[in-house]
Amino acid sequence: MMTRDDLFNLLQHTYFAGIDGADANLAVEAMHENVAWVHTQVWEHDGHDRSTVDRLDGRAAVLEFLTKRIGEMQVEGIEHKVGQVITDGQSGAFRARVVGPTGDAKSFFGWVELKDGKISSYTVMPDR
């Protein structure tokens, strides 16, 4: 059963650390092989605005997507910071921020479902 700390570490130190560190392979280690991944754009950049919703099925599709998108995020200089996390061990929610190089930030929250110690369903949307 996944604890709050386990989920925090999976999100912050695997998934988002991989994204922020330009390592898509590390990021997808957090994802189950058959992950259902839904991401509504939080940080607007390079023609991606809050009306952009990406829906992917499977870790391979997430890896392909992140491999292409991480370069854009590196140019933006953004970092992901997970705040609150709650979980019952099988699913959970979190609130986080994307922080830009000048300190400006955008809040977002997500819902995850868990299987075999990985994220099997991932849905993220902007807070406001």
Protein backbone atom coordinates (compact mmCIF):
# COMPACT_ATOMS: atom_id res chain seq x y z
CA MET A 1 0.00 0.00 0.00
CA MET A 2 1.46 3.35 -1.06
CA THR A 3 1.80 5.97 1.68
CA ARG A 4 1.58 9.73 1.35
CA ASP A 5 5.40 9.95 1.47
CA ASP A 6 5.72 7.22 -1.18
CA LEU A 7 3.37 9.10 -3.51
CA PHE A 8 5.11 12.42 -2.83
CA ASN A 9 8.48 10.86 -3.69
CA LEU A 10 7.10 9.20 -6.82
CA LEU A 11 5.69 12.52 -8.03
CA GLN A 12 8.43 14.94 -6.92
CA HIS A 13 11.62 12.87 -7.04
CA THR A 14 10.88 10.61 -9.98
CA TYR A 15 8.26 12.09 -12.30
CA PHE A 16 8.82 15.84 -11.92
CA ALA A 17 12.56 15.49 -11.21
CA GLY A 18 12.83 13.65 -14.51
CA ILE A 19 10.92 16.36 -16.34
CA ASP A 20 12.82 19.23 -14.70
CA GLY A 21 16.14 17.44 -15.19
CA ALA A 22 15.46 16.74 -18.90
CA ASP A 23 15.36 12.98 -18.28
CA ALA A 24 12.18 11.56 -19.80
CA ASN A 25 13.31 8.02 -18.98
CA LEU A 26 13.44 8.85 -15.26
CA ALA A 27 10.07 10.61 -15.41
CA VAL A 28 8.25 7.64 -16.91
CA GLU A 29 9.64 5.29 -14.24
CA ALA A 30 6.79 6.70 -12.13
CA MET A 31 4.21 5.46 -14.63
CA HIS A 32 2.62 2.05 -14.92
CA GLU A 33 3.09 0.34 -18.29
CA ASN A 34 -0.62 0.89 -19.10
CA VAL A 35 -0.98 4.39 -17.67
CA ALA A 36 -3.91 6.57 -18.77
CA TRP A 37 -2.36 10.06 -18.84
CA VAL A 38 -4.36 13.29 -19.20
CA HIS A 39 -2.59 16.65 -18.98
CA THR A 40 -4.20 20.07 -19.32
CA GLN A 41 -1.53 22.70 -20.02
CA VAL A 42 -0.61 24.68 -16.89
CA TRP A 43 2.34 26.84 -18.01
CA GLU A 44 1.52 28.53 -21.31
CA HIS A 45 4.43 28.50 -23.76
CA ASP A 46 5.34 27.75 -27.38
CA GLY A 47 1.74 27.75 -28.56
CA HIS A 48 0.56 25.49 -25.72
CA ASP A 49 -2.21 27.21 -23.79
CA ARG A 50 -4.73 26.15 -21.18
CA SER A 51 -7.07 24.88 -23.87
CA THR A 52 -4.46 22.22 -24.75
CA VAL A 53 -5.34 18.82 -23.31
CA ASP A 54 -3.11 15.87 -24.10
CA ARG A 55 -4.48 12.34 -23.63
CA LEU A 56 -2.10 9.42 -23.87
CA ASP A 57 -2.35 5.70 -23.25
CA GLY A 58 0.66 3.73 -22.08
CA ARG A 59 4.11 4.52 -20.73
CA ALA A 60 5.67 4.38 -24.21
CA ALA A 61 3.35 7.14 -25.44
CA VAL A 62 4.15 9.29 -22.38
CA LEU A 63 7.88 8.75 -22.97
CA GLU A 64 7.56 9.82 -26.60
CA PHE A 65 5.55 12.92 -25.63
CA LEU A 66 7.92 13.96 -22.84
CA THR A 67 11.00 13.36 -24.98
CA LYS A 68 9.65 15.92 -27.46
CA ARG A 69 8.27 18.41 -24.90
CA ILE A 70 11.08 18.47 -22.33
CA GLY A 71 13.31 20.61 -24.55
CA GLU A 72 10.67 23.34 -24.64
CA MET A 73 10.33 23.23 -20.87
CA GLN A 74 14.11 23.53 -20.44
CA VAL A 75 14.07 26.72 -22.53
CA GLU A 76 11.27 28.07 -20.31
CA GLY A 77 13.34 27.28 -17.20
CA ILE A 78 10.36 26.01 -15.21
CA GLU A 79 10.40 23.67 -12.23
CA HIS A 80 7.62 21.60 -10.66
CA LYS A 81 7.10 21.76 -6.89
CA VAL A 82 4.70 19.31 -5.26
CA GLY A 83 2.94 20.63 -2.16
CA GLN A 84 0.07 18.77 -0.55
CA VAL A 85 -0.44 15.07 -1.24
CA ILE A 86 -3.22 12.80 0.02
CA THR A 87 -3.74 9.13 -0.67
CA ASP A 88 -5.63 6.11 0.52
CA GLY A 89 -2.94 3.87 -0.97
CA GLN A 90 -4.87 3.09 -4.14
CA SER A 91 -5.54 6.61 -5.42
CA GLY A 92 -4.57 10.11 -4.45
CA ALA A 93 -4.61 13.81 -5.13
CA PHE A 94 -1.93 16.44 -5.09
CA ARG A 95 -1.51 20.16 -5.43
CA ALA A 96 1.63 21.60 -6.97
CA ARG A 97 3.12 24.65 -8.66
CA VAL A 98 5.09 25.27 -11.81
CA VAL A 99 7.67 27.94 -10.95
CA GLY A 100 9.38 30.07 -13.58
CA PRO A 101 12.93 31.45 -13.47
CA THR A 102 11.75 34.82 -12.14
CA GLY A 103 9.65 33.23 -9.39
CA ASP A 104 6.29 33.57 -11.08
CA ALA A 105 4.18 30.48 -10.48
CA LYS A 106 1.08 28.68 -11.69
CA SER A 107 -0.79 26.28 -9.41
CA PHE A 108 -2.25 22.98 -10.55
CA PHE A 109 -3.69 19.87 -9.06
CA GLY A 110 -3.89 16.26 -10.04
CA TRP A 111 -5.62 12.98 -9.42
CA VAL A 112 -3.77 9.69 -9.65
CA GLU A 113 -4.67 6.03 -9.40
CA LEU A 114 -2.01 3.58 -8.33
CA LYS A 115 -1.13 0.02 -9.32
CA ASP A 116 1.95 -2.05 -8.51
CA GLY A 117 3.68 0.95 -6.92
CA LYS A 118 3.28 3.07 -10.06
CA ILE A 119 0.84 5.66 -11.37
CA SER A 120 -1.79 3.92 -13.51
CA SER A 121 -3.98 6.96 -14.09
CA TYR A 122 -2.75 10.57 -14.11
CA THR A 123 -4.96 13.61 -14.60
CA VAL A 124 -3.67 17.19 -14.15
CA MET A 125 -5.35 20.54 -14.62
CA PRO A 126 -4.62 24.18 -13.76
CA ASP A 127 -5.90 25.44 -10.42
CA ARG A 128 -7.30 28.70 -11.79
